[in-house]
N, C-alpha and C. Protein backbone atom coordinates (compact mmCIF):
# COMPACT_ATOMS: atom_id res chain seq x y z
N UNK A 1 10.46 24.85 0.95
CA UNK A 1 10.07 23.45 0.98
C UNK A 1 11.32 22.60 0.78
N UNK A 2 11.45 21.60 1.57
CA UNK A 2 12.59 20.69 1.52
C UNK A 2 12.28 19.55 0.56
N UNK A 3 13.27 19.20 -0.26
CA UNK A 3 13.07 18.04 -1.13
C UNK A 3 13.22 16.78 -0.30
N UNK A 4 12.74 15.66 -0.82
CA UNK A 4 12.85 14.41 -0.07
C UNK A 4 14.32 14.02 0.10
N UNK A 5 15.14 14.32 -0.89
CA UNK A 5 16.57 14.01 -0.78
C UNK A 5 17.21 14.80 0.35
N UNK A 6 16.86 16.09 0.48
CA UNK A 6 17.39 16.91 1.57
C UNK A 6 16.87 16.42 2.91
N UNK A 7 15.60 16.05 2.95
CA UNK A 7 14.99 15.55 4.18
C UNK A 7 15.68 14.26 4.63
N UNK A 8 15.94 13.38 3.66
CA UNK A 8 16.59 12.12 3.98
C UNK A 8 18.02 12.34 4.42
N UNK A 9 18.74 13.25 3.75
CA UNK A 9 20.13 13.53 4.12
C UNK A 9 20.23 14.10 5.53
N UNK A 10 19.17 14.80 5.96
CA UNK A 10 19.15 15.39 7.30
C UNK A 10 18.72 14.37 8.35
N UNK A 11 18.48 13.13 7.95
CA UNK A 11 18.12 12.07 8.91
C UNK A 11 16.63 11.90 9.06
N UNK A 12 15.85 12.38 8.09
CA UNK A 12 14.40 12.25 8.17
C UNK A 12 13.95 10.81 8.31
N UNK A 13 13.04 10.55 9.22
CA UNK A 13 12.47 9.24 9.52
C UNK A 13 13.53 8.22 9.91
N UNK A 14 14.75 8.70 10.13
CA UNK A 14 15.78 7.81 10.63
C UNK A 14 16.30 6.81 9.62
N UNK A 15 16.12 7.04 8.33
CA UNK A 15 16.63 6.10 7.35
C UNK A 15 18.15 6.15 7.33
N UNK A 16 18.76 5.04 7.53
CA UNK A 16 20.21 4.95 7.51
C UNK A 16 20.66 4.38 6.18
N UNK A 17 21.48 5.13 5.46
CA UNK A 17 21.94 4.62 4.16
C UNK A 17 22.84 3.40 4.35
N UNK A 18 23.37 3.21 5.57
CA UNK A 18 24.22 2.06 5.83
C UNK A 18 23.42 0.85 6.31
N UNK A 19 22.12 0.94 6.35
CA UNK A 19 21.28 -0.15 6.83
C UNK A 19 21.54 -1.38 5.97
N UNK A 20 22.02 -2.45 6.60
CA UNK A 20 22.40 -3.64 5.86
C UNK A 20 21.22 -4.42 5.31
N UNK A 21 20.00 -4.11 5.77
CA UNK A 21 18.83 -4.79 5.21
C UNK A 21 18.44 -4.22 3.86
N UNK A 22 19.01 -3.09 3.49
CA UNK A 22 18.72 -2.45 2.21
C UNK A 22 19.75 -2.93 1.19
N UNK A 23 19.30 -3.48 0.06
CA UNK A 23 20.26 -3.93 -0.97
C UNK A 23 21.18 -2.79 -1.42
N UNK A 24 22.41 -3.10 -1.67
CA UNK A 24 23.41 -2.09 -2.05
C UNK A 24 22.94 -1.17 -3.19
N UNK A 25 22.43 -1.72 -4.32
CA UNK A 25 22.01 -0.83 -5.41
C UNK A 25 20.80 0.06 -5.05
N UNK A 26 20.04 -0.34 -4.05
CA UNK A 26 18.83 0.40 -3.70
C UNK A 26 19.11 1.53 -2.72
N UNK A 27 20.28 1.55 -2.10
CA UNK A 27 20.55 2.54 -1.06
C UNK A 27 20.48 3.98 -1.56
N UNK A 28 20.84 4.21 -2.82
CA UNK A 28 20.78 5.57 -3.36
C UNK A 28 19.34 6.06 -3.49
N UNK A 29 18.38 5.15 -3.60
CA UNK A 29 16.98 5.52 -3.77
C UNK A 29 16.20 5.47 -2.46
N UNK A 30 16.80 4.92 -1.42
CA UNK A 30 16.12 4.76 -0.14
C UNK A 30 15.58 6.11 0.34
N UNK A 31 14.27 6.17 0.57
CA UNK A 31 13.64 7.39 1.07
C UNK A 31 13.16 8.34 -0.02
N UNK A 32 13.52 8.10 -1.27
CA UNK A 32 13.03 8.95 -2.36
C UNK A 32 11.59 8.59 -2.70
N UNK A 33 10.87 9.51 -3.30
CA UNK A 33 9.50 9.22 -3.69
C UNK A 33 9.47 8.17 -4.79
N UNK A 34 8.57 7.22 -4.64
CA UNK A 34 8.45 6.12 -5.59
C UNK A 34 7.78 6.61 -6.87
N UNK A 35 8.18 6.03 -7.98
CA UNK A 35 7.62 6.39 -9.27
C UNK A 35 6.33 5.65 -9.58
N UNK A 36 5.75 5.99 -10.70
CA UNK A 36 4.46 5.43 -11.11
C UNK A 36 4.53 3.91 -11.26
N UNK A 37 5.55 3.41 -11.93
CA UNK A 37 5.61 1.98 -12.24
C UNK A 37 5.65 1.13 -10.98
N UNK A 38 6.48 1.50 -10.02
CA UNK A 38 6.57 0.73 -8.77
C UNK A 38 5.25 0.75 -8.03
N UNK A 39 4.62 1.91 -7.99
CA UNK A 39 3.35 2.04 -7.28
C UNK A 39 2.25 1.28 -7.99
N UNK A 40 2.23 1.35 -9.32
CA UNK A 40 1.22 0.66 -10.10
C UNK A 40 1.35 -0.85 -9.93
N UNK A 41 2.58 -1.36 -10.01
CA UNK A 41 2.79 -2.80 -9.85
C UNK A 41 2.43 -3.27 -8.44
N UNK A 42 2.71 -2.45 -7.43
CA UNK A 42 2.30 -2.80 -6.06
C UNK A 42 0.79 -2.89 -5.97
N UNK A 43 0.08 -1.96 -6.60
CA UNK A 43 -1.39 -1.99 -6.59
C UNK A 43 -1.92 -3.20 -7.35
N UNK A 44 -1.29 -3.55 -8.47
CA UNK A 44 -1.71 -4.72 -9.25
C UNK A 44 -1.56 -5.99 -8.41
N UNK A 45 -0.45 -6.10 -7.68
CA UNK A 45 -0.25 -7.27 -6.81
C UNK A 45 -1.35 -7.33 -5.75
N UNK A 46 -1.64 -6.19 -5.13
CA UNK A 46 -2.66 -6.16 -4.07
C UNK A 46 -4.06 -6.47 -4.61
N UNK A 47 -4.41 -5.88 -5.73
CA UNK A 47 -5.74 -6.11 -6.31
C UNK A 47 -5.86 -7.56 -6.78
N UNK A 48 -4.78 -8.12 -7.32
CA UNK A 48 -4.80 -9.54 -7.72
C UNK A 48 -5.00 -10.44 -6.51
N UNK A 49 -4.35 -10.10 -5.41
CA UNK A 49 -4.52 -10.86 -4.18
C UNK A 49 -5.98 -10.83 -3.71
N UNK A 50 -6.58 -9.67 -3.75
CA UNK A 50 -7.98 -9.54 -3.34
C UNK A 50 -8.89 -10.28 -4.32
N UNK A 51 -8.60 -10.20 -5.62
CA UNK A 51 -9.42 -10.91 -6.60
C UNK A 51 -9.35 -12.42 -6.37
N UNK A 52 -8.17 -12.94 -6.09
CA UNK A 52 -8.04 -14.37 -5.78
C UNK A 52 -8.82 -14.72 -4.51
N UNK A 53 -8.77 -13.86 -3.53
CA UNK A 53 -9.54 -14.08 -2.31
C UNK A 53 -11.04 -14.12 -2.61
N UNK A 54 -11.52 -13.21 -3.42
CA UNK A 54 -12.95 -13.17 -3.74
C UNK A 54 -13.37 -14.40 -4.54
N UNK A 55 -12.52 -14.87 -5.45
CA UNK A 55 -12.81 -16.10 -6.19
C UNK A 55 -12.85 -17.27 -5.22
N UNK A 56 -11.92 -17.31 -4.28
CA UNK A 56 -11.91 -18.36 -3.26
C UNK A 56 -13.17 -18.34 -2.41
N UNK A 57 -13.63 -17.16 -2.04
CA UNK A 57 -14.87 -17.03 -1.26
C UNK A 57 -16.04 -17.56 -2.06
N UNK A 58 -16.11 -17.21 -3.35
CA UNK A 58 -17.22 -17.65 -4.19
C UNK A 58 -17.22 -19.18 -4.31
N UNK A 59 -16.05 -19.77 -4.60
CA UNK A 59 -15.96 -21.22 -4.71
C UNK A 59 -16.31 -21.90 -3.40
N UNK A 60 -15.86 -21.35 -2.30
CA UNK A 60 -16.17 -21.92 -0.98
C UNK A 60 -17.67 -21.91 -0.73
N UNK A 61 -18.32 -20.78 -1.03
CA UNK A 61 -19.77 -20.71 -0.84
C UNK A 61 -20.50 -21.72 -1.72
N UNK A 62 -20.08 -21.89 -2.95
CA UNK A 62 -20.71 -22.86 -3.85
C UNK A 62 -20.51 -24.28 -3.33
N UNK A 63 -19.31 -24.60 -2.86
CA UNK A 63 -19.03 -25.95 -2.35
C UNK A 63 -19.80 -26.21 -1.07
N UNK A 64 -19.82 -25.25 -0.16
CA UNK A 64 -20.56 -25.42 1.10
C UNK A 64 -22.05 -25.61 0.81
N UNK A 65 -22.57 -24.85 -0.15
CA UNK A 65 -23.98 -25.01 -0.53
C UNK A 65 -24.23 -26.41 -1.07
N UNK A 66 -23.34 -26.90 -1.91
CA UNK A 66 -23.52 -28.22 -2.51
C UNK A 66 -23.43 -29.33 -1.46
N UNK A 67 -22.61 -29.15 -0.45
CA UNK A 67 -22.44 -30.17 0.59
C UNK A 67 -23.61 -30.16 1.57
N UNK A 68 -23.98 -28.99 2.05
CA UNK A 68 -24.95 -28.92 3.14
C UNK A 68 -26.41 -28.77 2.69
N UNK A 69 -26.61 -28.35 1.47
CA UNK A 69 -28.00 -28.23 0.98
C UNK A 69 -28.13 -28.83 -0.41
N UNK A 70 -27.85 -30.14 -0.54
CA UNK A 70 -27.96 -30.75 -1.87
C UNK A 70 -29.41 -30.72 -2.35
N UNK A 71 -29.56 -30.38 -3.59
CA UNK A 71 -30.89 -30.35 -4.17
C UNK A 71 -31.64 -29.05 -3.92
N UNK A 72 -31.16 -28.22 -3.01
CA UNK A 72 -31.79 -26.92 -2.74
C UNK A 72 -30.97 -25.87 -3.47
N UNK A 73 -31.63 -25.13 -4.30
CA UNK A 73 -30.93 -24.13 -5.10
C UNK A 73 -30.93 -22.78 -4.36
N UNK A 74 -29.83 -22.49 -3.69
CA UNK A 74 -29.64 -21.20 -3.05
C UNK A 74 -28.68 -20.41 -3.92
N UNK A 75 -29.08 -19.23 -4.28
CA UNK A 75 -28.24 -18.44 -5.18
C UNK A 75 -26.94 -18.03 -4.50
N UNK A 76 -25.84 -18.28 -5.21
CA UNK A 76 -24.53 -17.80 -4.75
C UNK A 76 -24.50 -16.28 -4.93
N UNK A 77 -23.60 -15.60 -4.24
CA UNK A 77 -23.52 -14.15 -4.41
C UNK A 77 -23.30 -13.77 -5.87
N UNK A 78 -23.92 -12.71 -6.27
CA UNK A 78 -23.75 -12.24 -7.65
C UNK A 78 -22.36 -11.64 -7.82
N UNK A 79 -21.96 -11.48 -9.06
CA UNK A 79 -20.66 -10.88 -9.35
C UNK A 79 -20.59 -9.47 -8.77
N UNK A 80 -21.68 -8.74 -8.85
CA UNK A 80 -21.72 -7.39 -8.29
C UNK A 80 -21.49 -7.38 -6.78
N UNK A 81 -22.07 -8.36 -6.10
CA UNK A 81 -21.88 -8.46 -4.65
C UNK A 81 -20.43 -8.78 -4.33
N UNK A 82 -19.83 -9.71 -5.08
CA UNK A 82 -18.43 -10.04 -4.85
C UNK A 82 -17.51 -8.86 -5.14
N UNK A 83 -17.82 -8.08 -6.16
CA UNK A 83 -17.02 -6.90 -6.47
C UNK A 83 -17.14 -5.88 -5.34
N UNK A 84 -18.35 -5.69 -4.82
CA UNK A 84 -18.54 -4.78 -3.68
C UNK A 84 -17.74 -5.27 -2.48
N UNK A 85 -17.80 -6.56 -2.18
CA UNK A 85 -17.00 -7.12 -1.09
C UNK A 85 -15.51 -6.90 -1.36
N UNK A 86 -15.11 -7.03 -2.61
CA UNK A 86 -13.71 -6.79 -2.98
C UNK A 86 -13.28 -5.36 -2.70
N UNK A 87 -14.14 -4.40 -3.05
CA UNK A 87 -13.84 -3.00 -2.76
C UNK A 87 -13.71 -2.78 -1.25
N UNK A 88 -14.63 -3.34 -0.50
CA UNK A 88 -14.61 -3.18 0.96
C UNK A 88 -13.37 -3.84 1.54
N UNK A 89 -13.07 -5.07 1.10
CA UNK A 89 -11.91 -5.77 1.61
C UNK A 89 -10.62 -5.04 1.25
N UNK A 90 -10.52 -4.53 0.01
CA UNK A 90 -9.32 -3.80 -0.40
C UNK A 90 -9.13 -2.56 0.46
N UNK A 91 -10.21 -1.84 0.71
CA UNK A 91 -10.13 -0.65 1.56
C UNK A 91 -9.62 -1.00 2.95
N UNK A 92 -10.19 -2.05 3.55
CA UNK A 92 -9.77 -2.45 4.89
C UNK A 92 -8.34 -3.00 4.89
N UNK A 93 -8.01 -3.78 3.88
CA UNK A 93 -6.66 -4.36 3.76
C UNK A 93 -5.61 -3.26 3.70
N UNK A 94 -5.82 -2.28 2.79
CA UNK A 94 -4.86 -1.18 2.68
C UNK A 94 -4.84 -0.34 3.95
N UNK A 95 -6.00 -0.12 4.56
CA UNK A 95 -6.03 0.68 5.79
C UNK A 95 -5.15 0.04 6.87
N UNK A 96 -5.37 -1.25 7.13
CA UNK A 96 -4.60 -1.92 8.18
C UNK A 96 -3.12 -2.01 7.81
N UNK A 97 -2.82 -2.28 6.55
CA UNK A 97 -1.42 -2.39 6.13
C UNK A 97 -0.71 -1.05 6.26
N UNK A 98 -1.32 0.01 5.76
CA UNK A 98 -0.67 1.32 5.79
C UNK A 98 -0.59 1.89 7.21
N UNK A 99 -1.56 1.58 8.04
CA UNK A 99 -1.53 2.08 9.41
C UNK A 99 -0.54 1.30 10.27
N UNK A 100 -0.31 0.03 9.98
CA UNK A 100 0.58 -0.78 10.80
C UNK A 100 2.04 -0.72 10.36
N UNK A 101 2.29 -0.96 9.10
CA UNK A 101 3.68 -0.99 8.63
C UNK A 101 3.96 0.01 7.52
N UNK A 102 2.91 0.59 6.96
CA UNK A 102 3.09 1.52 5.86
C UNK A 102 3.13 0.84 4.50
N UNK A 103 3.02 -0.48 4.50
CA UNK A 103 3.04 -1.17 3.21
C UNK A 103 2.20 -2.43 3.23
N UNK A 104 1.65 -2.71 2.08
CA UNK A 104 0.88 -3.94 1.86
C UNK A 104 1.83 -4.99 1.28
N UNK A 105 1.31 -6.13 0.92
CA UNK A 105 2.14 -7.15 0.30
C UNK A 105 2.76 -6.63 -1.00
N UNK A 106 1.95 -5.96 -1.81
CA UNK A 106 2.46 -5.38 -3.05
C UNK A 106 3.54 -4.34 -2.78
N UNK A 107 3.33 -3.53 -1.75
CA UNK A 107 4.34 -2.53 -1.37
C UNK A 107 5.62 -3.17 -0.89
N UNK A 108 5.49 -4.28 -0.18
CA UNK A 108 6.68 -5.00 0.30
C UNK A 108 7.46 -5.58 -0.89
N UNK A 109 6.74 -6.19 -1.83
CA UNK A 109 7.40 -6.78 -3.00
C UNK A 109 8.10 -5.70 -3.82
N UNK A 110 7.46 -4.55 -3.98
CA UNK A 110 8.02 -3.48 -4.81
C UNK A 110 8.93 -2.53 -4.04
N UNK A 111 9.03 -2.70 -2.73
CA UNK A 111 9.92 -1.85 -1.94
C UNK A 111 9.43 -0.44 -1.77
N UNK A 112 8.11 -0.28 -1.63
CA UNK A 112 7.55 1.06 -1.41
C UNK A 112 6.76 1.08 -0.10
N UNK A 113 6.67 2.26 0.48
CA UNK A 113 5.97 2.43 1.75
C UNK A 113 5.22 3.75 1.72
N UNK A 114 4.01 3.77 2.28
CA UNK A 114 3.20 4.98 2.39
C UNK A 114 3.53 5.63 3.73
N UNK A 115 3.86 6.91 3.70
CA UNK A 115 4.21 7.63 4.92
C UNK A 115 3.46 8.96 5.00
N UNK A 116 3.42 9.50 6.21
CA UNK A 116 2.80 10.80 6.45
C UNK A 116 3.72 11.90 5.92
N UNK A 117 3.27 13.15 5.95
CA UNK A 117 4.15 14.24 5.47
C UNK A 117 5.47 14.33 6.23
N UNK A 118 5.50 13.86 7.46
CA UNK A 118 6.74 13.90 8.25
C UNK A 118 7.54 12.60 8.13
N UNK A 119 7.07 11.66 7.33
CA UNK A 119 7.81 10.42 7.10
C UNK A 119 7.49 9.30 8.07
N UNK A 120 6.41 9.42 8.82
CA UNK A 120 6.03 8.39 9.78
C UNK A 120 4.86 7.58 9.23
N UNK A 121 4.52 6.52 9.95
CA UNK A 121 3.36 5.72 9.55
C UNK A 121 2.10 6.57 9.64
N UNK A 122 1.13 6.20 8.81
CA UNK A 122 -0.17 6.88 8.85
C UNK A 122 -0.96 6.36 10.04
N UNK A 123 -1.76 7.22 10.63
CA UNK A 123 -2.70 6.77 11.64
C UNK A 123 -3.85 6.05 10.96
N UNK A 124 -4.66 5.34 11.73
CA UNK A 124 -5.76 4.58 11.15
C UNK A 124 -6.74 5.48 10.38
N UNK A 125 -7.03 6.67 10.90
CA UNK A 125 -7.97 7.55 10.23
C UNK A 125 -7.46 7.95 8.84
N UNK A 126 -6.20 8.42 8.76
CA UNK A 126 -5.65 8.81 7.47
C UNK A 126 -5.44 7.61 6.55
N UNK A 127 -5.10 6.48 7.12
CA UNK A 127 -4.97 5.26 6.31
C UNK A 127 -6.32 4.88 5.72
N UNK A 128 -7.39 5.02 6.51
CA UNK A 128 -8.74 4.73 6.00
C UNK A 128 -9.12 5.73 4.91
N UNK A 129 -8.86 7.01 5.13
CA UNK A 129 -9.16 8.01 4.10
C UNK A 129 -8.41 7.72 2.81
N UNK A 130 -7.13 7.43 2.94
CA UNK A 130 -6.32 7.19 1.74
C UNK A 130 -6.74 5.92 1.03
N UNK A 131 -6.98 4.86 1.78
CA UNK A 131 -7.37 3.60 1.13
C UNK A 131 -8.73 3.74 0.46
N UNK A 132 -9.67 4.41 1.12
CA UNK A 132 -10.97 4.64 0.50
C UNK A 132 -10.86 5.48 -0.76
N UNK A 133 -10.01 6.50 -0.71
CA UNK A 133 -9.79 7.38 -1.86
C UNK A 133 -9.15 6.60 -3.00
N UNK A 134 -8.19 5.74 -2.68
CA UNK A 134 -7.51 4.95 -3.72
C UNK A 134 -8.46 3.94 -4.37
N UNK A 135 -9.34 3.35 -3.57
CA UNK A 135 -10.30 2.39 -4.11
C UNK A 135 -11.38 3.10 -4.93
N UNK A 136 -11.85 4.24 -4.45
CA UNK A 136 -12.92 4.97 -5.15
C UNK A 136 -12.41 5.67 -6.41
N UNK A 137 -11.16 6.10 -6.40
CA UNK A 137 -10.62 6.87 -7.53
C UNK A 137 -9.22 6.35 -7.89
N UNK A 138 -9.15 5.12 -8.44
CA UNK A 138 -7.83 4.54 -8.74
C UNK A 138 -7.07 5.30 -9.82
N UNK A 139 -7.78 6.06 -10.66
CA UNK A 139 -7.11 6.79 -11.73
C UNK A 139 -6.30 7.97 -11.20
N UNK A 140 -6.45 8.27 -9.91
CA UNK A 140 -5.64 9.33 -9.30
C UNK A 140 -4.16 9.02 -9.35
N UNK A 141 -3.81 7.75 -9.43
CA UNK A 141 -2.40 7.36 -9.53
C UNK A 141 -1.77 7.87 -10.82
N UNK A 142 -2.57 8.05 -11.86
CA UNK A 142 -2.03 8.51 -13.15
C UNK A 142 -1.37 9.89 -13.04
N UNK A 143 -1.77 10.66 -12.03
CA UNK A 143 -1.17 11.99 -11.85
C UNK A 143 0.33 11.87 -11.56
N UNK A 144 0.76 10.75 -11.00
CA UNK A 144 2.18 10.54 -10.72
C UNK A 144 3.01 10.52 -12.00
N UNK A 145 2.39 10.26 -13.13
CA UNK A 145 3.11 10.26 -14.41
C UNK A 145 3.54 11.67 -14.82
N UNK A 146 2.75 12.68 -14.46
CA UNK A 146 3.06 14.05 -14.86
C UNK A 146 3.58 14.90 -13.70
N UNK A 147 3.44 14.42 -12.49
CA UNK A 147 3.89 15.17 -11.33
C UNK A 147 5.41 15.14 -11.22
N UNK A 148 6.01 16.28 -11.00
CA UNK A 148 7.46 16.34 -10.84
C UNK A 148 7.90 15.66 -9.55
N UNK A 149 6.99 15.52 -8.61
CA UNK A 149 7.32 14.91 -7.32
C UNK A 149 6.75 13.50 -7.17
N UNK A 150 6.32 12.90 -8.27
CA UNK A 150 5.79 11.53 -8.27
C UNK A 150 4.65 11.36 -7.27
N UNK A 151 3.74 12.32 -7.23
CA UNK A 151 2.64 12.25 -6.28
C UNK A 151 1.34 12.03 -7.03
N UNK A 152 0.50 11.16 -6.46
CA UNK A 152 -0.82 10.91 -7.03
C UNK A 152 -1.79 11.97 -6.52
N UNK A 153 -2.99 11.97 -7.05
CA UNK A 153 -4.02 12.88 -6.56
C UNK A 153 -4.27 12.63 -5.08
N UNK A 154 -4.28 11.35 -4.68
CA UNK A 154 -4.49 11.00 -3.27
C UNK A 154 -3.40 11.59 -2.39
N UNK A 155 -2.15 11.55 -2.87
CA UNK A 155 -1.04 12.11 -2.12
C UNK A 155 -1.18 13.62 -1.98
N UNK A 156 -1.59 14.27 -3.05
CA UNK A 156 -1.74 15.72 -3.01
C UNK A 156 -2.84 16.15 -2.04
N UNK A 157 -3.98 15.48 -2.12
CA UNK A 157 -5.11 15.85 -1.27
C UNK A 157 -4.84 15.54 0.20
N UNK A 158 -4.29 14.36 0.48
CA UNK A 158 -4.09 13.93 1.86
C UNK A 158 -2.68 14.20 2.39
N UNK A 159 -1.81 14.77 1.54
CA UNK A 159 -0.45 15.13 1.92
C UNK A 159 0.37 13.91 2.38
N UNK A 160 0.17 12.78 1.71
CA UNK A 160 0.94 11.58 2.01
C UNK A 160 2.05 11.44 0.97
N UNK A 161 2.96 10.55 1.21
CA UNK A 161 4.04 10.26 0.28
C UNK A 161 4.19 8.75 0.17
N UNK A 162 4.59 8.31 -1.00
CA UNK A 162 4.95 6.91 -1.19
C UNK A 162 6.43 6.92 -1.53
N UNK A 163 7.21 6.28 -0.68
CA UNK A 163 8.67 6.32 -0.83
C UNK A 163 9.23 4.93 -1.07
N UNK A 164 10.42 4.90 -1.67
CA UNK A 164 11.15 3.64 -1.77
C UNK A 164 11.70 3.34 -0.38
N UNK A 165 11.43 2.16 0.11
CA UNK A 165 11.92 1.80 1.43
C UNK A 165 12.05 0.29 1.50
N UNK A 166 13.29 -0.17 1.44
CA UNK A 166 13.55 -1.60 1.51
C UNK A 166 13.91 -2.04 2.92
N UNK A 167 13.93 -1.11 3.87
CA UNK A 167 14.30 -1.45 5.24
C UNK A 167 13.31 -2.45 5.80
N UNK A 168 13.79 -3.32 6.66
CA UNK A 168 12.93 -4.35 7.22
C UNK A 168 12.04 -3.82 8.34
N UNK A 169 12.44 -2.71 8.95
CA UNK A 169 11.65 -2.14 10.05
C UNK A 169 10.91 -0.91 9.56
N UNK A 170 9.72 -0.61 10.14
CA UNK A 170 9.00 0.59 9.76
C UNK A 170 9.82 1.84 10.05
N UNK A 171 9.70 2.89 9.22
CA UNK A 171 10.53 4.07 9.40
C UNK A 171 10.33 4.78 10.73
N UNK A 172 9.14 4.76 11.31
CA UNK A 172 8.94 5.47 12.56
C UNK A 172 9.61 4.77 13.73
N UNK A 173 10.06 3.54 13.54
CA UNK A 173 10.74 2.82 14.61
C UNK A 173 12.26 3.01 14.51
N UNK A 174 12.73 3.54 13.40
CA UNK A 174 14.16 3.80 13.22
C UNK A 174 14.48 5.17 13.77
N UNK A 175 15.66 5.34 14.26
CA UNK A 175 16.11 6.67 14.64
C UNK A 175 17.58 6.78 14.32
N UNK A 176 18.06 8.00 14.17
CA UNK A 176 19.45 8.20 13.77
C UNK A 176 20.41 7.77 14.87
N UNK A 177 19.94 7.65 16.12
CA UNK A 177 20.83 7.23 17.19
C UNK A 177 20.69 5.74 17.51
N UNK A 178 19.94 5.01 16.70
CA UNK A 178 19.80 3.57 16.95
C UNK A 178 21.07 2.86 16.50
N UNK A 179 21.38 1.72 17.12
CA UNK A 179 22.60 1.00 16.74
C UNK A 179 22.50 0.47 15.33
N UNK A 180 23.64 0.37 14.68
CA UNK A 180 23.68 -0.11 13.29
C UNK A 180 23.76 -1.60 13.25
């Protein structure tokens, strides 16, 4: 089995250590598996974004009800319904983000990217499986605290990796023969 450092040194996923879009201090970590803290903070950013969206949806529904049906008491969605919508939206948000660029807003802020075992973007099916697994079992991330390879339960089951990647372009679009 090849370590991520060996894979990266051999040109895996085309990460160039000379890539000028990568901050100088971060170049040594480029392509290495991300640790628990970075991944946790990325998830907190994403979940906070979804929570703000759900609060905005609730306020919008209350305001629209007050404007268009004054005096008629129509029940706004319950907290349970909004939480269910939040789970569904988070699953879809992560699926599209991981399948398209490999990172969500939280991943972009924290400089992490979800990749396949070969270092490429996930397909929509695997992105959906992983996002659903992450939403249904968020405590799987805790395994990264004890794993020597910084892998969550989701990573182990689905054979995905979360790597540090500050490059501006997705890794599957980079190649070792591309111009610098």
